[in-house]
């Protein structure tokens, strides 16, 4: 018999409402809880806007839009809803005390068979959350916007059971996500960990005066940026031949940046007040740009790329 899911999303902010849309669109009940009830009106407004945008991009059907409005509920009383659910997705602030506090409450209120997923983007939830059944705790890291981005990183803790991971993985697949499993917690998980490696080397090459940020991005966008839509780096090395790529690595490895501590290039930009689009300047100059318009166009590009490469995903 197929399991009937009743889901609680803790946190009604950007990620919370986006994750709620993912499940509700497929007809699964999900309740948005937030300690600040004024978040609910904001969430409802943004969900309406999201539905209009997704429909304009032909990402969602009228039936799925109806499902979203029908299957998302709002609750400010944790004691009222927590005992009724069998899956909790936690998405509160990246603050250890806040997370520790919410898990303490959930552990008391939820049933012993409830599964806990943390949508943290970096915190080691396994050193923060104290729950009675740690085998039912895992990280489920969605990417923004959750409805559009296919990937969810599932990160296991020291006590997470294989059965729970498989159950959550199958649930996410059923609502259109494509989970990647990491069997051991490491900072950054898969995606952000690889991103930091790339950022460190980019910053190093720029600091050495070897190239510019624009030229680095040009090099990535017009090679790997095209291939990564259908072929990861391991597949690429299979195509090129590991004898060749390994020979190249011998010369490259010894010249790579091995800085520790933090991103030195990033620190330099921070000290210059160049935080990125939110301050008008980062590596690039965003002076006079409407941020909402910029982000909408960015989302459109993501959607366009997904549509273009969707048919390639399952091809070998």
C-alpha atoms as a PDB file:
ATOM      1  CA  UNK A   1       0.000   0.000   0.000  1.00  0.00           C
ATOM      2  CA  UNK A   2       1.365   3.398  -0.978  1.00  0.00           C
ATOM      3  CA  UNK A   3       2.223   5.620   1.970  1.00  0.00           C
ATOM      4  CA  UNK A   4       0.060   8.665   2.566  1.00  0.00           C
ATOM      5  CA  UNK A   5       2.212  11.706   3.307  1.00  0.00           C
ATOM      6  CA  UNK A   6       1.311  14.623   5.532  1.00  0.00           C
ATOM      7  CA  UNK A   7       4.156  17.134   5.438  1.00  0.00           C
ATOM      8  CA  UNK A   8       5.149  20.037   7.666  1.00  0.00           C
ATOM      9  CA  UNK A   9       7.386  22.793   6.286  1.00  0.00           C
ATOM     10  CA  UNK A  10       8.973  24.734   9.143  1.00  0.00           C
ATOM     11  CA  UNK A  11       9.666  28.238   7.875  1.00  0.00           C
ATOM     12  CA  UNK A  12       7.471  30.159   5.408  1.00  0.00           C
ATOM     13  CA  UNK A  13      10.197  32.221   3.770  1.00  0.00           C
ATOM     14  CA  UNK A  14      11.498  32.022   0.200  1.00  0.00           C
ATOM     15  CA  UNK A  15      12.661  28.411   0.373  1.00  0.00           C
ATOM     16  CA  UNK A  16       9.791  27.261   2.576  1.00  0.00           C
ATOM     17  CA  UNK A  17       7.057  28.438   0.254  1.00  0.00           C
ATOM     18  CA  UNK A  18       8.988  27.145  -2.768  1.00  0.00           C
ATOM     19  CA  UNK A  19       9.358  23.683  -1.256  1.00  0.00           C
ATOM     20  CA  UNK A  20       5.661  23.703  -0.339  1.00  0.00           C
ATOM     21  CA  UNK A  21       4.810  24.382  -4.000  1.00  0.00           C
ATOM     22  CA  UNK A  22       6.780  21.292  -5.079  1.00  0.00           C
ATOM     23  CA  UNK A  23       4.710  18.874  -2.993  1.00  0.00           C
ATOM     24  CA  UNK A  24       1.341  20.608  -3.169  1.00  0.00           C
ATOM     25  CA  UNK A  25       1.423  20.735  -6.992  1.00  0.00           C
ATOM     26  CA  UNK A  26       1.467  16.921  -6.974  1.00  0.00           C
ATOM     27  CA  UNK A  27      -1.508  16.733  -4.623  1.00  0.00           C
ATOM     28  CA  UNK A  28       0.327  16.184  -1.315  1.00  0.00           C
ATOM     29  CA  UNK A  29      -0.832  18.043   1.775  1.00  0.00           C
ATOM     30  CA  UNK A  30       1.824  20.325   3.248  1.00  0.00           C
ATOM     31  CA  UNK A  31       1.471  22.825   6.064  1.00  0.00           C
ATOM     32  CA  UNK A  32       3.606  25.953   6.296  1.00  0.00           C
ATOM     33  CA  UNK A  33       4.508  26.802   9.888  1.00  0.00           C
ATOM     34  CA  UNK A  34       6.242  29.990  10.908  1.00  0.00           C
ATOM     35  CA  UNK A  35       6.904  31.574  14.303  1.00  0.00           C
ATOM     36  CA  UNK A  36       6.072  34.911  12.665  1.00  0.00           C
ATOM     37  CA  UNK A  37       2.489  34.633  11.302  1.00  0.00           C
ATOM     38  CA  UNK A  38       2.879  37.802   9.221  1.00  0.00           C
ATOM     39  CA  UNK A  39       5.018  35.650   6.913  1.00  0.00           C
ATOM     40  CA  UNK A  40       1.884  33.828   5.767  1.00  0.00           C
ATOM     41  CA  UNK A  41       0.375  36.748   3.869  1.00  0.00           C
ATOM     42  CA  UNK A  42       3.729  37.350   2.188  1.00  0.00           C
ATOM     43  CA  UNK A  43       3.967  33.664   1.301  1.00  0.00           C
ATOM     44  CA  UNK A  44       0.455  33.605  -0.178  1.00  0.00           C
ATOM     45  CA  UNK A  45       1.209  36.682  -2.293  1.00  0.00           C
ATOM     46  CA  UNK A  46       4.465  35.223  -3.602  1.00  0.00           C
ATOM     47  CA  UNK A  47       2.871  31.822  -4.297  1.00  0.00           C
ATOM     48  CA  UNK A  48       0.241  33.509  -6.485  1.00  0.00           C
ATOM     49  CA  UNK A  49       3.025  35.313  -8.336  1.00  0.00           C
ATOM     50  CA  UNK A  50       5.024  32.088  -8.676  1.00  0.00           C
ATOM     51  CA  UNK A  51       2.040  30.283 -10.178  1.00  0.00           C
ATOM     52  CA  UNK A  52       1.544  33.035 -12.747  1.00  0.00           C
ATOM     53  CA  UNK A  53       5.213  32.898 -13.698  1.00  0.00           C
ATOM     54  CA  UNK A  54       5.377  29.086 -13.881  1.00  0.00           C
ATOM     55  CA  UNK A  55       2.267  29.040 -16.070  1.00  0.00           C
ATOM     56  CA  UNK A  56       3.767  31.651 -18.402  1.00  0.00           C
ATOM     57  CA  UNK A  57       6.800  29.366 -18.766  1.00  0.00           C
ATOM     58  CA  UNK A  58       4.523  26.328 -19.292  1.00  0.00           C
ATOM     59  CA  UNK A  59       6.078  24.644 -16.246  1.00  0.00           C
ATOM     60  CA  UNK A  60       2.808  23.954 -14.484  1.00  0.00           C
ATOM     61  CA  UNK A  61      -0.696  22.888 -15.464  1.00  0.00           C
ATOM     62  CA  UNK A  62      -3.968  24.463 -14.358  1.00  0.00           C
ATOM     63  CA  UNK A  63      -4.649  21.336 -12.291  1.00  0.00           C
ATOM     64  CA  UNK A  64      -1.299  21.660 -10.523  1.00  0.00           C
ATOM     65  CA  UNK A  65      -1.957  25.343  -9.799  1.00  0.00           C
ATOM     66  CA  UNK A  66      -5.301  24.356  -8.294  1.00  0.00           C
ATOM     67  CA  UNK A  67      -3.505  21.708  -6.248  1.00  0.00           C
ATOM     68  CA  UNK A  68      -1.060  24.285  -4.879  1.00  0.00           C
ATOM     69  CA  UNK A  69      -3.865  26.474  -3.576  1.00  0.00           C
ATOM     70  CA  UNK A  70      -5.787  23.454  -2.296  1.00  0.00           C
ATOM     71  CA  UNK A  71      -3.014  21.501  -0.573  1.00  0.00           C
ATOM     72  CA  UNK A  72      -0.939  24.225   1.126  1.00  0.00           C
ATOM     73  CA  UNK A  73      -2.126  25.024   4.642  1.00  0.00           C
ATOM     74  CA  UNK A  74      -0.912  27.637   7.107  1.00  0.00           C
ATOM     75  CA  UNK A  75      -0.462  27.154  10.837  1.00  0.00           C
ATOM     76  CA  UNK A  76       1.094  29.332  13.555  1.00  0.00           C
ATOM     77  CA  UNK A  77       0.557  26.781  16.339  1.00  0.00           C
ATOM     78  CA  UNK A  78       3.296  24.134  16.204  1.00  0.00           C
ATOM     79  CA  UNK A  79       1.668  22.054  18.934  1.00  0.00           C
ATOM     80  CA  UNK A  80      -1.482  21.765  16.828  1.00  0.00           C
ATOM     81  CA  UNK A  81       0.105  20.507  13.614  1.00  0.00           C
ATOM     82  CA  UNK A  82       3.336  18.687  14.542  1.00  0.00           C
ATOM     83  CA  UNK A  83       1.686  15.552  16.045  1.00  0.00           C
ATOM     84  CA  UNK A  84      -0.284  15.012  12.810  1.00  0.00           C
ATOM     85  CA  UNK A  85       2.580  14.854  10.292  1.00  0.00           C
ATOM     86  CA  UNK A  86       4.940  12.075   9.211  1.00  0.00           C
ATOM     87  CA  UNK A  87       7.534  14.244   7.444  1.00  0.00           C
ATOM     88  CA  UNK A  88       9.031  17.515   8.655  1.00  0.00           C
ATOM     89  CA  UNK A  89      11.207  19.692   6.420  1.00  0.00           C
ATOM     90  CA  UNK A  90      13.053  22.267   8.522  1.00  0.00           C
ATOM     91  CA  UNK A  91      14.036  25.503   6.847  1.00  0.00           C
ATOM     92  CA  UNK A  92      14.642  28.012   9.646  1.00  0.00           C
ATOM     93  CA  UNK A  93      17.492  30.544   9.860  1.00  0.00           C
ATOM     94  CA  UNK A  94      21.051  29.237   9.587  1.00  0.00           C
ATOM     95  CA  UNK A  95      21.539  29.813  13.294  1.00  0.00           C
ATOM     96  CA  UNK A  96      22.503  26.873  15.479  1.00  0.00           C
ATOM     97  CA  UNK A  97      20.510  28.021  18.517  1.00  0.00           C
ATOM     98  CA  UNK A  98      17.370  28.573  16.431  1.00  0.00           C
ATOM     99  CA  UNK A  99      17.712  25.145  14.804  1.00  0.00           C
ATOM    100  CA  UNK A 100      18.500  23.418  18.111  1.00  0.00           C
ATOM    101  CA  UNK A 101      15.421  24.999  19.676  1.00  0.00           C
ATOM    102  CA  UNK A 102      13.032  23.983  16.891  1.00  0.00           C
ATOM    103  CA  UNK A 103      14.234  20.369  16.918  1.00  0.00           C
ATOM    104  CA  UNK A 104      13.807  20.216  20.674  1.00  0.00           C
ATOM    105  CA  UNK A 105      10.164  21.235  20.207  1.00  0.00           C
ATOM    106  CA  UNK A 106       9.588  18.926  17.237  1.00  0.00           C
ATOM    107  CA  UNK A 107      11.110  15.970  19.055  1.00  0.00           C
ATOM    108  CA  UNK A 108       8.568  16.373  21.852  1.00  0.00           C
ATOM    109  CA  UNK A 109       5.585  16.946  19.570  1.00  0.00           C
ATOM    110  CA  UNK A 110       6.083  14.614  16.597  1.00  0.00           C
ATOM    111  CA  UNK A 111       5.319  10.899  16.538  1.00  0.00           C
ATOM    112  CA  UNK A 112       8.226   8.407  16.819  1.00  0.00           C
ATOM    113  CA  UNK A 113       7.891   7.416  13.147  1.00  0.00           C
ATOM    114  CA  UNK A 114       8.162  10.993  11.828  1.00  0.00           C
ATOM    115  CA  UNK A 115      11.024  11.708   9.414  1.00  0.00           C
ATOM    116  CA  UNK A 116      13.029  14.920   9.817  1.00  0.00           C
ATOM    117  CA  UNK A 117      14.731  16.613   6.844  1.00  0.00           C
ATOM    118  CA  UNK A 118      16.803  19.760   7.231  1.00  0.00           C
ATOM    119  CA  UNK A 119      17.018  22.113   4.256  1.00  0.00           C
ATOM    120  CA  UNK A 120      20.240  23.583   5.622  1.00  0.00           C
ATOM    121  CA  UNK A 121      22.751  24.792   3.053  1.00  0.00           C
ATOM    122  CA  UNK A 122      25.748  24.150   5.261  1.00  0.00           C
ATOM    123  CA  UNK A 123      25.072  23.482   8.935  1.00  0.00           C
ATOM    124  CA  UNK A 124      26.032  20.117  10.395  1.00  0.00           C
ATOM    125  CA  UNK A 125      22.552  19.360  11.655  1.00  0.00           C
ATOM    126  CA  UNK A 126      23.795  16.110  13.181  1.00  0.00           C
ATOM    127  CA  UNK A 127      25.773  18.081  15.773  1.00  0.00           C
ATOM    128  CA  UNK A 128      22.858  20.448  16.401  1.00  0.00           C
ATOM    129  CA  UNK A 129      19.600  18.500  16.462  1.00  0.00           C
ATOM    130  CA  UNK A 130      18.966  16.155  19.365  1.00  0.00           C
ATOM    131  CA  UNK A 131      16.112  13.808  18.516  1.00  0.00           C
ATOM    132  CA  UNK A 132      14.981  10.474  19.922  1.00  0.00           C
ATOM    133  CA  UNK A 133      15.246   8.666  16.588  1.00  0.00           C
ATOM    134  CA  UNK A 134      18.411   9.944  14.846  1.00  0.00           C
ATOM    135  CA  UNK A 135      18.080   7.229  12.199  1.00  0.00           C
ATOM    136  CA  UNK A 136      15.132   9.286  10.880  1.00  0.00           C
ATOM    137  CA  UNK A 137      17.134  12.500  10.452  1.00  0.00           C
ATOM    138  CA  UNK A 138      18.812  13.611   7.221  1.00  0.00           C
ATOM    139  CA  UNK A 139      19.657  16.740   5.247  1.00  0.00           C
ATOM    140  CA  UNK A 140      17.527  17.492   2.174  1.00  0.00           C
ATOM    141  CA  UNK A 141      19.088  20.516   0.496  1.00  0.00           C
ATOM    142  CA  UNK A 142      16.873  22.097  -2.168  1.00  0.00           C
ATOM    143  CA  UNK A 143      18.088  24.748  -4.604  1.00  0.00           C
ATOM    144  CA  UNK A 144      16.402  28.052  -5.382  1.00  0.00           C
ATOM    145  CA  UNK A 145      13.860  28.224  -6.898  1.00  0.00           C
ATOM    146  CA  UNK A 146      12.835  24.799  -5.520  1.00  0.00           C
ATOM    147  CA  UNK A 147      10.021  24.256  -8.021  1.00  0.00           C
ATOM    148  CA  UNK A 148      12.342  24.830 -10.978  1.00  0.00           C
ATOM    149  CA  UNK A 149      15.672  23.318  -9.898  1.00  0.00           C
ATOM    150  CA  UNK A 150      15.659  19.501 -10.251  1.00  0.00           C
ATOM    151  CA  UNK A 151      18.394  18.649  -7.741  1.00  0.00           C
ATOM    152  CA  UNK A 152      17.981  17.886  -4.051  1.00  0.00           C
ATOM    153  CA  UNK A 153      21.083  16.850  -2.108  1.00  0.00           C
ATOM    154  CA  UNK A 154      20.341  14.112   0.450  1.00  0.00           C
ATOM    155  CA  UNK A 155      23.089  14.021   3.065  1.00  0.00           C
ATOM    156  CA  UNK A 156      23.198  11.185   5.573  1.00  0.00           C
ATOM    157  CA  UNK A 157      24.294  11.538   9.173  1.00  0.00           C
ATOM    158  CA  UNK A 158      26.143   8.966  11.298  1.00  0.00           C
ATOM    159  CA  UNK A 159      22.847   7.314  12.329  1.00  0.00           C
ATOM    160  CA  UNK A 160      20.644   7.895   9.269  1.00  0.00           C
ATOM    161  CA  UNK A 161      19.211   4.596   8.040  1.00  0.00           C
ATOM    162  CA  UNK A 162      19.436   3.463   4.424  1.00  0.00           C
ATOM    163  CA  UNK A 163      15.726   2.692   4.486  1.00  0.00           C
ATOM    164  CA  UNK A 164      14.798   6.263   5.436  1.00  0.00           C
ATOM    165  CA  UNK A 165      17.045   7.711   2.726  1.00  0.00           C
ATOM    166  CA  UNK A 166      15.480   5.423   0.139  1.00  0.00           C
ATOM    167  CA  UNK A 167      11.978   6.352   1.285  1.00  0.00           C
ATOM    168  CA  UNK A 168      12.693  10.091   1.094  1.00  0.00           C
ATOM    169  CA  UNK A 169      14.513   9.692  -2.218  1.00  0.00           C
ATOM    170  CA  UNK A 170      11.525   7.907  -3.772  1.00  0.00           C
ATOM    171  CA  UNK A 171       9.157  10.574  -2.454  1.00  0.00           C
ATOM    172  CA  UNK A 172      11.231  13.346  -4.006  1.00  0.00           C
ATOM    173  CA  UNK A 173      11.459  11.501  -7.319  1.00  0.00           C
ATOM    174  CA  UNK A 174       7.667  11.157  -7.313  1.00  0.00           C
ATOM    175  CA  UNK A 175       7.285  14.960  -7.168  1.00  0.00           C
ATOM    176  CA  UNK A 176       9.760  15.553  -9.988  1.00  0.00           C
ATOM    177  CA  UNK A 177      13.053  16.049  -8.159  1.00  0.00           C
ATOM    178  CA  UNK A 178      16.342  14.314  -8.963  1.00  0.00           C
ATOM    179  CA  UNK A 179      18.106  13.522  -5.648  1.00  0.00           C
ATOM    180  CA  UNK A 180      21.865  13.043  -5.231  1.00  0.00           C
ATOM    181  CA  UNK A 181      22.952  11.132  -2.116  1.00  0.00           C
ATOM    182  CA  UNK A 182      26.015  11.919  -0.007  1.00  0.00           C
ATOM    183  CA  UNK A 183      26.579   9.141   2.528  1.00  0.00           C
ATOM    184  CA  UNK A 184      28.680  11.219   4.914  1.00  0.00           C
ATOM    185  CA  UNK A 185      28.355  14.827   6.055  1.00  0.00           C
ATOM    186  CA  UNK A 186      31.098  17.117   4.780  1.00  0.00           C
ATOM    187  CA  UNK A 187      30.923  20.933   4.737  1.00  0.00           C
ATOM    188  CA  UNK A 188      29.415  22.209   1.496  1.00  0.00           C
ATOM    189  CA  UNK A 189      27.937  18.818   0.568  1.00  0.00           C
ATOM    190  CA  UNK A 190      28.494  18.133  -3.156  1.00  0.00           C
ATOM    191  CA  UNK A 191      27.530  21.273  -5.072  1.00  0.00           C
ATOM    192  CA  UNK A 192      28.848  24.002  -2.778  1.00  0.00           C
ATOM    193  CA  UNK A 193      31.989  22.011  -2.035  1.00  0.00           C
ATOM    194  CA  UNK A 194      32.861  21.790  -5.715  1.00  0.00           C
ATOM    195  CA  UNK A 195      31.904  25.435  -6.183  1.00  0.00           C
ATOM    196  CA  UNK A 196      34.378  26.503  -3.491  1.00  0.00           C
ATOM    197  CA  UNK A 197      37.180  24.540  -5.155  1.00  0.00           C
ATOM    198  CA  UNK A 198      36.475  26.348  -8.414  1.00  0.00           C
ATOM    199  CA  UNK A 199      36.192  29.746  -6.700  1.00  0.00           C
ATOM    200  CA  UNK A 200      39.515  29.277  -4.926  1.00  0.00           C
ATOM    201  CA  UNK A 201      41.346  28.569  -8.177  1.00  0.00           C
ATOM    202  CA  UNK A 202      39.579  31.394 -10.031  1.00  0.00           C
ATOM    203  CA  UNK A 203      40.501  33.872  -7.314  1.00  0.00           C
ATOM    204  CA  UNK A 204      44.077  32.625  -7.345  1.00  0.00           C
ATOM    205  CA  UNK A 205      44.450  33.037 -11.109  1.00  0.00           C
ATOM    206  CA  UNK A 206      42.995  36.549 -10.961  1.00  0.00           C
ATOM    207  CA  UNK A 207      45.237  37.540  -8.025  1.00  0.00           C
ATOM    208  CA  UNK A 208      48.294  36.342  -9.932  1.00  0.00           C
ATOM    209  CA  UNK A 209      47.367  38.618 -12.823  1.00  0.00           C
ATOM    210  CA  UNK A 210      47.067  35.669 -15.180  1.00  0.00           C
ATOM    211  CA  UNK A 211      43.517  36.454 -16.312  1.00  0.00           C
ATOM    212  CA  UNK A 212      40.354  38.413 -15.520  1.00  0.00           C
ATOM    213  CA  UNK A 213      37.025  37.412 -14.043  1.00  0.00           C
ATOM    214  CA  UNK A 214      35.294  38.029 -17.372  1.00  0.00           C
ATOM    215  CA  UNK A 215      37.730  35.792 -19.243  1.00  0.00           C
ATOM    216  CA  UNK A 216      37.426  33.011 -16.679  1.00  0.00           C
ATOM    217  CA  UNK A 217      33.654  33.095 -16.988  1.00  0.00           C
ATOM    218  CA  UNK A 218      33.922  33.147 -20.766  1.00  0.00           C
ATOM    219  CA  UNK A 219      36.140  30.054 -20.652  1.00  0.00           C
ATOM    220  CA  UNK A 220      33.672  28.213 -18.407  1.00  0.00           C
ATOM    221  CA  UNK A 221      30.436  29.248 -20.120  1.00  0.00           C
ATOM    222  CA  UNK A 222      31.593  28.226 -23.584  1.00  0.00           C
ATOM    223  CA  UNK A 223      33.086  24.825 -22.664  1.00  0.00           C
ATOM    224  CA  UNK A 224      32.042  23.187 -19.408  1.00  0.00           C
ATOM    225  CA  UNK A 225      28.928  25.319 -19.189  1.00  0.00           C
ATOM    226  CA  UNK A 226      27.644  23.707 -22.366  1.00  0.00           C
ATOM    227  CA  UNK A 227      28.794  20.160 -21.630  1.00  0.00           C
ATOM    228  CA  UNK A 228      27.662  20.028 -17.997  1.00  0.00           C
ATOM    229  CA  UNK A 229      24.044  20.191 -19.148  1.00  0.00           C
ATOM    230  CA  UNK A 230      24.351  16.580 -20.288  1.00  0.00           C
ATOM    231  CA  UNK A 231      27.819  15.346 -19.298  1.00  0.00           C
ATOM    232  CA  UNK A 232      29.556  15.638 -15.926  1.00  0.00           C
ATOM    233  CA  UNK A 233      33.340  15.858 -15.462  1.00  0.00           C
ATOM    234  CA  UNK A 234      33.726  12.107 -14.949  1.00  0.00           C
ATOM    235  CA  UNK A 235      31.892  11.354 -18.200  1.00  0.00           C
ATOM    236  CA  UNK A 236      34.072  13.922 -19.955  1.00  0.00           C
ATOM    237  CA  UNK A 237      37.234  12.225 -18.712  1.00  0.00           C
ATOM    238  CA  UNK A 238      35.856   8.895 -19.917  1.00  0.00           C
ATOM    239  CA  UNK A 239      35.485  10.438 -23.369  1.00  0.00           C
ATOM    240  CA  UNK A 240      38.931  12.064 -23.405  1.00  0.00           C
ATOM    241  CA  UNK A 241      40.641   9.063 -21.824  1.00  0.00           C
ATOM    242  CA  UNK A 242      41.967   8.819 -18.271  1.00  0.00           C
ATOM    243  CA  UNK A 243      45.488   8.200 -19.532  1.00  0.00           C
ATOM    244  CA  UNK A 244      45.450  11.662 -21.092  1.00  0.00           C
ATOM    245  CA  UNK A 245      43.651  13.499 -18.276  1.00  0.00           C
ATOM    246  CA  UNK A 246      45.849  11.887 -15.626  1.00  0.00           C
ATOM    247  CA  UNK A 247      48.987  12.886 -17.513  1.00  0.00           C
ATOM    248  CA  UNK A 248      47.704  16.467 -17.643  1.00  0.00           C
ATOM    249  CA  UNK A 249      46.952  16.374 -13.907  1.00  0.00           C
ATOM    250  CA  UNK A 250      50.623  15.755 -13.100  1.00  0.00           C
ATOM    251  CA  UNK A 251      51.576  19.207 -14.414  1.00  0.00           C
ATOM    252  CA  UNK A 252      48.460  20.976 -13.133  1.00  0.00           C
ATOM    253  CA  UNK A 253      48.208  19.616  -9.575  1.00  0.00           C
ATOM    254  CA  UNK A 254      51.542  20.982  -8.424  1.00  0.00           C
ATOM    255  CA  UNK A 255      50.618  24.510  -9.554  1.00  0.00           C
ATOM    256  CA  UNK A 256      47.103  24.645  -8.056  1.00  0.00           C
ATOM    257  CA  UNK A 257      46.212  27.007  -5.241  1.00  0.00           C
ATOM    258  CA  UNK A 258      46.242  25.327  -1.831  1.00  0.00           C
ATOM    259  CA  UNK A 259      45.138  28.249   0.367  1.00  0.00           C
ATOM    260  CA  UNK A 260      43.225  27.428   3.546  1.00  0.00           C
ATOM    261  CA  UNK A 261      41.050  29.599   5.742  1.00  0.00           C
ATOM    262  CA  UNK A 262      38.667  31.355   3.382  1.00  0.00           C
ATOM    263  CA  UNK A 263      38.255  32.719  -0.124  1.00  0.00           C
ATOM    264  CA  UNK A 264      40.900  35.488  -0.314  1.00  0.00           C
ATOM    265  CA  UNK A 265      39.412  36.932  -3.494  1.00  0.00           C
ATOM    266  CA  UNK A 266      35.992  37.042  -1.833  1.00  0.00           C
ATOM    267  CA  UNK A 267      37.434  38.728   1.263  1.00  0.00           C
ATOM    268  CA  UNK A 268      39.041  41.397  -0.911  1.00  0.00           C
ATOM    269  CA  UNK A 269      35.715  42.138  -2.613  1.00  0.00           C
ATOM    270  CA  UNK A 270      33.969  42.352   0.780  1.00  0.00           C
ATOM    271  CA  UNK A 271      36.531  44.862   2.049  1.00  0.00           C
ATOM    272  CA  UNK A 272      35.834  46.963  -1.043  1.00  0.00           C
ATOM    273  CA  UNK A 273      32.093  46.840  -0.358  1.00  0.00           C
ATOM    274  CA  UNK A 274      31.536  44.837  -3.530  1.00  0.00           C
ATOM    275  CA  UNK A 275      29.142  42.175  -2.196  1.00  0.00           C
ATOM    276  CA  UNK A 276      27.461  41.542  -5.518  1.00  0.00           C
ATOM    277  CA  UNK A 277      24.149  42.527  -7.020  1.00  0.00           C
ATOM    278  CA  UNK A 278      22.685  43.553  -3.631  1.00  0.00           C
ATOM    279  CA  UNK A 279      25.253  46.364  -3.282  1.00  0.00           C
ATOM    280  CA  UNK A 280      25.365  47.254  -6.967  1.00  0.00           C
ATOM    281  CA  UNK A 281      28.861  45.903  -7.520  1.00  0.00           C
ATOM    282  CA  UNK A 282      30.688  42.606  -7.177  1.00  0.00           C
ATOM    283  CA  UNK A 283      33.068  41.269  -9.794  1.00  0.00           C
ATOM    284  CA  UNK A 284      30.714  43.014 -12.216  1.00  0.00           C
ATOM    285  CA  UNK A 285      29.006  46.401 -12.047  1.00  0.00           C
ATOM    286  CA  UNK A 286      25.213  46.279 -11.509  1.00  0.00           C
ATOM    287  CA  UNK A 287      24.690  50.026 -11.112  1.00  0.00           C
ATOM    288  CA  UNK A 288      21.182  51.016 -12.170  1.00  0.00           C
ATOM    289  CA  UNK A 289      19.971  47.452 -12.604  1.00  0.00           C
ATOM    290  CA  UNK A 290      16.536  46.521 -11.234  1.00  0.00           C
ATOM    291  CA  UNK A 291      17.273  43.497  -9.027  1.00  0.00           C
ATOM    292  CA  UNK A 292      13.827  41.906  -9.394  1.00  0.00           C
ATOM    293  CA  UNK A 293      13.980  42.256 -13.173  1.00  0.00           C
ATOM    294  CA  UNK A 294      17.498  40.814 -13.196  1.00  0.00           C
ATOM    295  CA  UNK A 295      16.415  37.814 -11.092  1.00  0.00           C
ATOM    296  CA  UNK A 296      13.335  37.199 -13.257  1.00  0.00           C
ATOM    297  CA  UNK A 297      15.502  37.157 -16.369  1.00  0.00           C
ATOM    298  CA  UNK A 298      17.933  34.820 -14.594  1.00  0.00           C
ATOM    299  CA  UNK A 299      15.083  32.435 -13.728  1.00  0.00           C
ATOM    300  CA  UNK A 300      13.904  32.574 -17.339  1.00  0.00           C
ATOM    301  CA  UNK A 301      17.386  31.538 -18.500  1.00  0.00           C
ATOM    302  CA  UNK A 302      17.382  28.603 -16.065  1.00  0.00           C
ATOM    303  CA  UNK A 303      13.967  27.493 -17.298  1.00  0.00           C
ATOM    304  CA  UNK A 304      15.015  27.864 -20.938  1.00  0.00           C
ATOM    305  CA  UNK A 305      18.122  25.744 -20.340  1.00  0.00           C
ATOM    306  CA  UNK A 306      16.135  23.068 -18.490  1.00  0.00           C
ATOM    307  CA  UNK A 307      13.643  22.832 -21.337  1.00  0.00           C
ATOM    308  CA  UNK A 308      16.445  22.636 -23.889  1.00  0.00           C
ATOM    309  CA  UNK A 309      18.364  19.829 -22.161  1.00  0.00           C
ATOM    310  CA  UNK A 310      15.497  17.860 -20.586  1.00  0.00           C
ATOM    311  CA  UNK A 311      15.384  15.376 -23.439  1.00  0.00           C
ATOM    312  CA  UNK A 312      19.128  14.740 -23.005  1.00  0.00           C
ATOM    313  CA  UNK A 313      19.036  13.781 -19.307  1.00  0.00           C
ATOM    314  CA  UNK A 314      18.234  10.119 -19.791  1.00  0.00           C
ATOM    315  CA  UNK A 315      20.181   9.573 -22.990  1.00  0.00           C
ATOM    316  CA  UNK A 316      23.412   7.580 -22.885  1.00  0.00           C
END
